[in-house]
Amino acid sequence: MKVVVATNRVLSIAGTSSSPFALKRILESLNTDLPKLRAVDATGVAYGLVPGKEEVDNDDGEVPIGVSRARRRATKPNEPSLPVCGILTTPYPCLVMRDGSRVLEGAALGGNVIVKIEADAVTVTNATGRFTWKP
């Protein structure tokens, strides 16, 4: 999925989406990231299984997420697993979570508090102390 044209706060996107629910999730993320966005033209989007992705069925109303078996990463046992899929540094530092939500500095995430967000590291504090998480 990619943005083909972006003019006058109107986006035109094209590509393949695994389902209408996945496209809805992408559009909600765009709306969150670009608050002044007026419209999105999604006529160039086709539905079908994205190569390398496996479709997950969800009957509870949640948006299905494609899961790539080749990209699963083993986590170290002493390192906490944070559901972060990206880090934004401009216009304000925030963590982009897997569900599309944004977490700012000072926010509570589980039993942790996000102290500082940098491009390559996140400083987190909790009851056991302060540590730096590197994605």
N, C-alpha and C. Protein backbone atom coordinates (compact mmCIF):
# COMPACT_ATOMS: atom_id res chain seq x y z
N MET A 1 0.85 -1.16 0.00
CA MET A 1 0.00 0.00 0.00
C MET A 1 0.90 1.23 0.00
N LYS A 2 0.62 2.20 -0.88
CA LYS A 2 1.42 3.42 -0.90
C LYS A 2 0.56 4.59 -1.35
N VAL A 3 1.04 5.78 -1.00
CA VAL A 3 0.37 7.01 -1.42
C VAL A 3 0.87 7.35 -2.82
N VAL A 4 -0.06 7.46 -3.76
CA VAL A 4 0.30 7.75 -5.15
C VAL A 4 0.37 9.25 -5.37
N VAL A 5 -0.64 9.99 -4.90
CA VAL A 5 -0.70 11.44 -5.08
C VAL A 5 -1.14 12.06 -3.76
N ALA A 6 -0.49 13.16 -3.38
CA ALA A 6 -0.88 13.91 -2.19
C ALA A 6 -0.89 15.40 -2.56
N THR A 7 -2.09 15.95 -2.77
CA THR A 7 -2.22 17.36 -3.10
C THR A 7 -3.40 17.97 -2.36
N ASN A 8 -3.24 19.20 -1.91
CA ASN A 8 -4.32 19.96 -1.27
C ASN A 8 -5.03 19.17 -0.18
N ARG A 9 -4.27 18.51 0.67
CA ARG A 9 -4.79 17.72 1.78
C ARG A 9 -5.71 16.59 1.34
N VAL A 10 -5.49 16.09 0.12
CA VAL A 10 -6.24 14.94 -0.40
C VAL A 10 -5.22 13.89 -0.82
N LEU A 11 -5.39 12.66 -0.34
CA LEU A 11 -4.48 11.56 -0.69
C LEU A 11 -5.15 10.59 -1.64
N SER A 12 -4.34 10.03 -2.52
CA SER A 12 -4.78 8.94 -3.38
C SER A 12 -3.86 7.76 -3.08
N ILE A 13 -4.45 6.64 -2.61
CA ILE A 13 -3.63 5.49 -2.25
C ILE A 13 -3.93 4.33 -3.20
N ALA A 14 -2.93 3.48 -3.39
CA ALA A 14 -3.06 2.31 -4.27
C ALA A 14 -2.27 1.16 -3.66
N GLY A 15 -2.63 -0.04 -4.05
CA GLY A 15 -1.94 -1.23 -3.56
C GLY A 15 -2.92 -2.34 -3.26
N THR A 16 -2.48 -3.28 -2.43
CA THR A 16 -3.30 -4.43 -2.08
C THR A 16 -3.53 -4.44 -0.57
N SER A 17 -4.78 -4.60 -0.19
CA SER A 17 -5.15 -4.72 1.22
C SER A 17 -5.71 -6.12 1.44
N SER A 18 -5.39 -6.73 2.57
CA SER A 18 -5.84 -8.09 2.82
C SER A 18 -7.35 -8.18 3.02
N SER A 19 -7.98 -7.07 3.49
CA SER A 19 -9.43 -7.08 3.70
C SER A 19 -9.93 -5.65 3.85
N PRO A 20 -11.24 -5.45 3.77
CA PRO A 20 -11.78 -4.11 4.01
C PRO A 20 -11.47 -3.61 5.44
N PHE A 21 -11.41 -4.53 6.41
CA PHE A 21 -11.09 -4.14 7.78
C PHE A 21 -9.66 -3.61 7.89
N ALA A 22 -8.72 -4.22 7.16
CA ALA A 22 -7.34 -3.75 7.16
C ALA A 22 -7.25 -2.37 6.51
N LEU A 23 -8.01 -2.15 5.45
CA LEU A 23 -8.04 -0.83 4.80
C LEU A 23 -8.63 0.20 5.76
N LYS A 24 -9.66 -0.16 6.49
CA LYS A 24 -10.26 0.75 7.46
C LYS A 24 -9.23 1.16 8.51
N ARG A 25 -8.44 0.20 8.95
CA ARG A 25 -7.41 0.49 9.94
C ARG A 25 -6.36 1.45 9.39
N ILE A 26 -5.98 1.28 8.15
CA ILE A 26 -5.02 2.17 7.51
C ILE A 26 -5.59 3.58 7.41
N LEU A 27 -6.85 3.69 7.01
CA LEU A 27 -7.50 5.00 6.88
C LEU A 27 -7.62 5.68 8.24
N GLU A 28 -7.91 4.93 9.29
CA GLU A 28 -7.99 5.51 10.64
C GLU A 28 -6.61 6.01 11.09
N SER A 29 -5.55 5.29 10.75
CA SER A 29 -4.19 5.73 11.09
C SER A 29 -3.83 7.01 10.34
N LEU A 30 -4.20 7.07 9.07
CA LEU A 30 -3.95 8.29 8.29
C LEU A 30 -4.70 9.47 8.90
N ASN A 31 -5.93 9.26 9.29
CA ASN A 31 -6.72 10.33 9.90
C ASN A 31 -6.10 10.80 11.21
N THR A 32 -5.52 9.88 11.99
CA THR A 32 -4.87 10.23 13.24
C THR A 32 -3.58 11.00 12.99
N ASP A 33 -2.79 10.56 12.02
CA ASP A 33 -1.50 11.19 11.73
C ASP A 33 -1.64 12.53 11.02
N LEU A 34 -2.67 12.68 10.22
CA LEU A 34 -2.87 13.89 9.43
C LEU A 34 -4.22 14.52 9.77
N PRO A 35 -4.29 15.29 10.86
CA PRO A 35 -5.58 15.80 11.32
C PRO A 35 -6.25 16.76 10.34
N LYS A 36 -5.53 17.40 9.46
CA LYS A 36 -6.13 18.34 8.50
C LYS A 36 -6.45 17.68 7.17
N LEU A 37 -6.36 16.36 7.10
CA LEU A 37 -6.66 15.62 5.89
C LEU A 37 -8.13 15.77 5.53
N ARG A 38 -8.41 16.15 4.27
CA ARG A 38 -9.80 16.37 3.85
C ARG A 38 -10.43 15.12 3.26
N ALA A 39 -9.68 14.37 2.43
CA ALA A 39 -10.26 13.19 1.78
C ALA A 39 -9.16 12.21 1.39
N VAL A 40 -9.57 10.95 1.21
CA VAL A 40 -8.67 9.91 0.73
C VAL A 40 -9.37 9.16 -0.39
N ASP A 41 -8.70 9.06 -1.54
CA ASP A 41 -9.22 8.30 -2.67
C ASP A 41 -8.60 6.91 -2.62
N ALA A 42 -9.41 5.89 -2.33
CA ALA A 42 -8.92 4.53 -2.21
C ALA A 42 -9.40 3.65 -3.36
N THR A 43 -9.69 4.26 -4.51
CA THR A 43 -10.18 3.47 -5.65
C THR A 43 -9.08 2.59 -6.24
N GLY A 44 -7.82 2.89 -5.98
CA GLY A 44 -6.71 2.09 -6.50
C GLY A 44 -6.34 0.93 -5.60
N VAL A 45 -7.13 0.67 -4.57
CA VAL A 45 -6.82 -0.42 -3.63
C VAL A 45 -7.59 -1.67 -4.04
N ALA A 46 -6.86 -2.76 -4.16
CA ALA A 46 -7.47 -4.06 -4.47
C ALA A 46 -7.44 -4.91 -3.21
N TYR A 47 -8.41 -5.81 -3.08
CA TYR A 47 -8.45 -6.69 -1.92
C TYR A 47 -7.93 -8.06 -2.31
N GLY A 48 -7.16 -8.63 -1.45
CA GLY A 48 -6.61 -9.95 -1.67
C GLY A 48 -5.52 -10.20 -0.66
N LEU A 49 -5.03 -11.41 -0.62
CA LEU A 49 -3.99 -11.76 0.33
C LEU A 49 -2.69 -11.11 -0.10
N VAL A 50 -2.08 -10.37 0.81
CA VAL A 50 -0.81 -9.71 0.55
C VAL A 50 0.28 -10.77 0.57
N PRO A 51 1.18 -10.79 -0.43
CA PRO A 51 2.24 -11.81 -0.45
C PRO A 51 3.08 -11.76 0.82
N GLY A 52 3.33 -12.92 1.41
CA GLY A 52 4.13 -13.00 2.63
C GLY A 52 3.33 -12.79 3.89
N LYS A 53 2.04 -12.55 3.78
CA LYS A 53 1.19 -12.31 4.95
C LYS A 53 0.15 -13.42 5.04
N GLU A 54 -0.28 -13.68 6.24
CA GLU A 54 -1.31 -14.68 6.49
C GLU A 54 -2.49 -13.95 7.10
N GLU A 55 -3.68 -14.14 6.56
CA GLU A 55 -4.85 -13.43 7.06
C GLU A 55 -5.34 -14.09 8.35
N VAL A 56 -5.73 -13.27 9.30
CA VAL A 56 -6.23 -13.74 10.58
C VAL A 56 -7.71 -13.41 10.67
N ASP A 57 -8.55 -14.42 10.95
CA ASP A 57 -9.98 -14.18 11.07
C ASP A 57 -10.30 -13.76 12.49
N ASN A 58 -11.14 -12.74 12.60
CA ASN A 58 -11.60 -12.24 13.89
C ASN A 58 -13.08 -12.01 13.80
N ASP A 59 -13.87 -12.71 14.57
CA ASP A 59 -15.31 -12.53 14.54
C ASP A 59 -15.79 -11.60 15.64
N ASP A 60 -14.88 -11.07 16.47
CA ASP A 60 -15.30 -10.23 17.58
C ASP A 60 -15.32 -8.75 17.23
N GLY A 61 -15.28 -8.41 15.94
CA GLY A 61 -15.38 -7.01 15.52
C GLY A 61 -14.05 -6.30 15.45
N GLU A 62 -12.97 -6.95 15.87
CA GLU A 62 -11.67 -6.30 15.79
C GLU A 62 -11.13 -6.39 14.37
N VAL A 63 -10.20 -5.50 14.07
CA VAL A 63 -9.61 -5.45 12.74
C VAL A 63 -8.58 -6.57 12.62
N PRO A 64 -8.68 -7.42 11.59
CA PRO A 64 -7.68 -8.48 11.43
C PRO A 64 -6.33 -7.89 11.03
N ILE A 65 -5.28 -8.52 11.50
CA ILE A 65 -3.93 -8.07 11.21
C ILE A 65 -3.19 -9.18 10.48
N GLY A 66 -2.48 -8.83 9.40
CA GLY A 66 -1.68 -9.81 8.70
C GLY A 66 -0.47 -10.18 9.54
N VAL A 67 -0.16 -11.45 9.64
CA VAL A 67 0.95 -11.90 10.45
C VAL A 67 1.96 -12.58 9.54
N SER A 68 3.17 -12.11 9.56
CA SER A 68 4.22 -12.70 8.76
C SER A 68 5.01 -13.68 9.63
N ARG A 69 5.04 -14.92 9.24
CA ARG A 69 5.78 -15.92 10.03
C ARG A 69 7.28 -15.72 9.90
N ALA A 70 7.75 -15.23 8.76
CA ALA A 70 9.18 -15.05 8.55
C ALA A 70 9.75 -13.90 9.37
N ARG A 71 8.93 -12.94 9.77
CA ARG A 71 9.42 -11.76 10.47
C ARG A 71 9.27 -11.84 11.98
N ARG A 72 8.81 -12.94 12.50
CA ARG A 72 8.69 -13.05 13.95
C ARG A 72 10.09 -13.03 14.56
N ARG A 73 10.25 -12.24 15.60
CA ARG A 73 11.55 -12.08 16.23
C ARG A 73 11.50 -12.66 17.63
N ALA A 74 12.49 -13.45 17.95
CA ALA A 74 12.55 -14.02 19.30
C ALA A 74 12.93 -12.92 20.27
N THR A 75 12.18 -12.81 21.37
CA THR A 75 12.49 -11.80 22.38
C THR A 75 13.39 -12.40 23.43
N LYS A 76 14.25 -11.59 23.97
CA LYS A 76 15.13 -12.03 25.03
C LYS A 76 14.30 -12.14 26.31
N PRO A 77 14.56 -13.14 27.15
CA PRO A 77 13.74 -13.33 28.33
C PRO A 77 13.80 -12.18 29.33
N ASN A 78 14.91 -11.44 29.42
CA ASN A 78 15.02 -10.36 30.39
C ASN A 78 14.56 -9.01 29.83
N GLU A 79 14.17 -8.96 28.58
CA GLU A 79 13.76 -7.72 27.94
C GLU A 79 12.24 -7.68 27.81
N PRO A 80 11.58 -6.59 28.23
CA PRO A 80 10.13 -6.54 28.11
C PRO A 80 9.70 -6.45 26.65
N SER A 81 8.58 -7.02 26.33
CA SER A 81 8.05 -6.97 24.98
C SER A 81 7.04 -5.83 24.90
N LEU A 82 7.37 -4.79 24.15
CA LEU A 82 6.47 -3.65 23.99
C LEU A 82 5.77 -3.77 22.64
N PRO A 83 4.46 -3.54 22.58
CA PRO A 83 3.73 -3.67 21.32
C PRO A 83 3.90 -2.44 20.43
N VAL A 84 5.14 -2.08 20.12
CA VAL A 84 5.45 -0.89 19.34
C VAL A 84 5.77 -1.29 17.92
N CYS A 85 5.18 -0.59 16.95
CA CYS A 85 5.52 -0.88 15.56
C CYS A 85 6.28 0.26 14.92
N GLY A 86 6.43 1.40 15.59
CA GLY A 86 7.19 2.51 15.03
C GLY A 86 7.41 3.62 16.03
N ILE A 87 8.40 4.47 15.71
CA ILE A 87 8.71 5.62 16.54
C ILE A 87 8.69 6.85 15.65
N LEU A 88 7.90 7.86 16.04
CA LEU A 88 7.87 9.13 15.33
C LEU A 88 8.62 10.15 16.17
N THR A 89 9.46 10.97 15.52
CA THR A 89 10.20 11.99 16.25
C THR A 89 9.72 13.39 15.91
N THR A 90 9.06 13.57 14.78
CA THR A 90 8.52 14.88 14.41
C THR A 90 7.07 14.73 14.04
N PRO A 91 6.22 15.64 14.28
CA PRO A 91 6.40 16.94 14.93
C PRO A 91 6.55 16.82 16.44
N TYR A 92 6.23 15.67 17.02
CA TYR A 92 6.42 15.44 18.45
C TYR A 92 6.81 13.97 18.63
N PRO A 93 7.70 13.67 19.59
CA PRO A 93 8.10 12.27 19.78
C PRO A 93 6.96 11.44 20.35
N CYS A 94 6.69 10.31 19.69
CA CYS A 94 5.67 9.40 20.18
C CYS A 94 5.94 7.99 19.66
N LEU A 95 5.36 7.02 20.35
CA LEU A 95 5.44 5.62 19.94
C LEU A 95 4.17 5.27 19.20
N VAL A 96 4.29 4.58 18.08
CA VAL A 96 3.13 4.11 17.33
C VAL A 96 2.94 2.65 17.72
N MET A 97 1.80 2.37 18.31
CA MET A 97 1.51 1.03 18.80
C MET A 97 0.93 0.16 17.68
N ARG A 98 0.93 -1.14 17.87
CA ARG A 98 0.41 -2.07 16.85
C ARG A 98 -1.07 -1.84 16.56
N ASP A 99 -1.83 -1.35 17.53
CA ASP A 99 -3.24 -1.10 17.31
C ASP A 99 -3.50 0.26 16.67
N GLY A 100 -2.44 1.03 16.36
CA GLY A 100 -2.59 2.32 15.70
C GLY A 100 -2.60 3.50 16.65
N SER A 101 -2.65 3.27 17.94
CA SER A 101 -2.67 4.38 18.89
C SER A 101 -1.28 4.97 19.05
N ARG A 102 -1.23 6.17 19.60
CA ARG A 102 0.02 6.88 19.82
C ARG A 102 0.25 7.05 21.33
N VAL A 103 1.50 6.91 21.77
CA VAL A 103 1.86 7.06 23.17
C VAL A 103 2.93 8.14 23.25
N LEU A 104 2.67 9.19 24.04
CA LEU A 104 3.60 10.30 24.20
C LEU A 104 4.48 10.10 25.41
N GLU A 105 5.52 10.94 25.52
CA GLU A 105 6.39 10.91 26.68
C GLU A 105 5.57 11.23 27.92
N GLY A 106 5.83 10.52 29.02
CA GLY A 106 5.10 10.73 30.26
C GLY A 106 3.88 9.83 30.41
N ALA A 107 3.52 9.11 29.37
CA ALA A 107 2.34 8.24 29.41
C ALA A 107 2.68 6.91 30.08
N ALA A 108 1.66 6.32 30.69
CA ALA A 108 1.80 5.00 31.31
C ALA A 108 1.51 3.94 30.26
N LEU A 109 2.35 2.93 30.20
CA LEU A 109 2.19 1.83 29.26
C LEU A 109 2.38 0.54 30.05
N GLY A 110 1.28 -0.11 30.37
CA GLY A 110 1.34 -1.28 31.24
C GLY A 110 1.74 -0.83 32.63
N GLY A 111 2.77 -1.40 33.18
CA GLY A 111 3.29 -0.98 34.47
C GLY A 111 4.48 -0.06 34.33
N ASN A 112 4.71 0.46 33.14
CA ASN A 112 5.86 1.31 32.85
C ASN A 112 5.41 2.74 32.57
N VAL A 113 6.35 3.69 32.70
CA VAL A 113 6.11 5.08 32.31
C VAL A 113 7.18 5.44 31.29
N ILE A 114 6.74 5.99 30.15
CA ILE A 114 7.68 6.39 29.09
C ILE A 114 8.31 7.72 29.50
N VAL A 115 9.64 7.73 29.69
CA VAL A 115 10.34 8.93 30.13
C VAL A 115 10.82 9.75 28.95
N LYS A 116 11.51 9.11 27.99
CA LYS A 116 12.08 9.83 26.85
C LYS A 116 11.99 8.95 25.62
N ILE A 117 11.60 9.57 24.48
CA ILE A 117 11.51 8.86 23.21
C ILE A 117 12.51 9.47 22.25
N GLU A 118 13.43 8.64 21.77
CA GLU A 118 14.42 9.06 20.78
C GLU A 118 14.25 8.17 19.56
N ALA A 119 14.92 8.50 18.46
CA ALA A 119 14.76 7.76 17.22
C ALA A 119 15.20 6.30 17.34
N ASP A 120 16.21 6.03 18.16
CA ASP A 120 16.73 4.67 18.26
C ASP A 120 16.61 4.04 19.65
N ALA A 121 16.01 4.74 20.60
CA ALA A 121 15.88 4.19 21.95
C ALA A 121 14.72 4.85 22.69
N VAL A 122 14.16 4.11 23.62
CA VAL A 122 13.07 4.60 24.46
C VAL A 122 13.47 4.36 25.91
N THR A 123 13.49 5.42 26.71
CA THR A 123 13.82 5.29 28.12
C THR A 123 12.52 5.08 28.89
N VAL A 124 12.49 4.00 29.67
CA VAL A 124 11.29 3.59 30.39
C VAL A 124 11.64 3.42 31.86
N THR A 125 10.71 3.79 32.73
CA THR A 125 10.90 3.57 34.16
C THR A 125 9.71 2.78 34.70
N ASN A 126 10.00 1.97 35.72
CA ASN A 126 8.94 1.21 36.39
C ASN A 126 9.38 0.98 37.84
N ALA A 127 8.71 0.12 38.55
CA ALA A 127 8.98 -0.10 39.97
C ALA A 127 10.38 -0.66 40.20
N THR A 128 10.95 -1.36 39.24
CA THR A 128 12.28 -1.95 39.42
C THR A 128 13.41 -1.01 39.01
N GLY A 129 13.10 0.10 38.38
CA GLY A 129 14.14 1.05 37.99
C GLY A 129 13.93 1.59 36.58
N ARG A 130 14.97 2.22 36.07
CA ARG A 130 14.94 2.83 34.75
C ARG A 130 15.79 2.00 33.80
N PHE A 131 15.31 1.83 32.56
CA PHE A 131 16.08 1.10 31.55
C PHE A 131 15.82 1.72 30.19
N THR A 132 16.68 1.38 29.23
CA THR A 132 16.56 1.87 27.87
C THR A 132 16.20 0.69 26.98
N TRP A 133 15.09 0.84 26.27
CA TRP A 133 14.62 -0.19 25.33
C TRP A 133 15.01 0.23 23.93
N LYS A 134 15.70 -0.65 23.22
CA LYS A 134 16.11 -0.38 21.85
C LYS A 134 15.40 -1.35 20.91
N PRO A 135 14.56 -0.81 20.03
CA PRO A 135 13.79 -1.68 19.13
C PRO A 135 14.66 -2.40 18.12
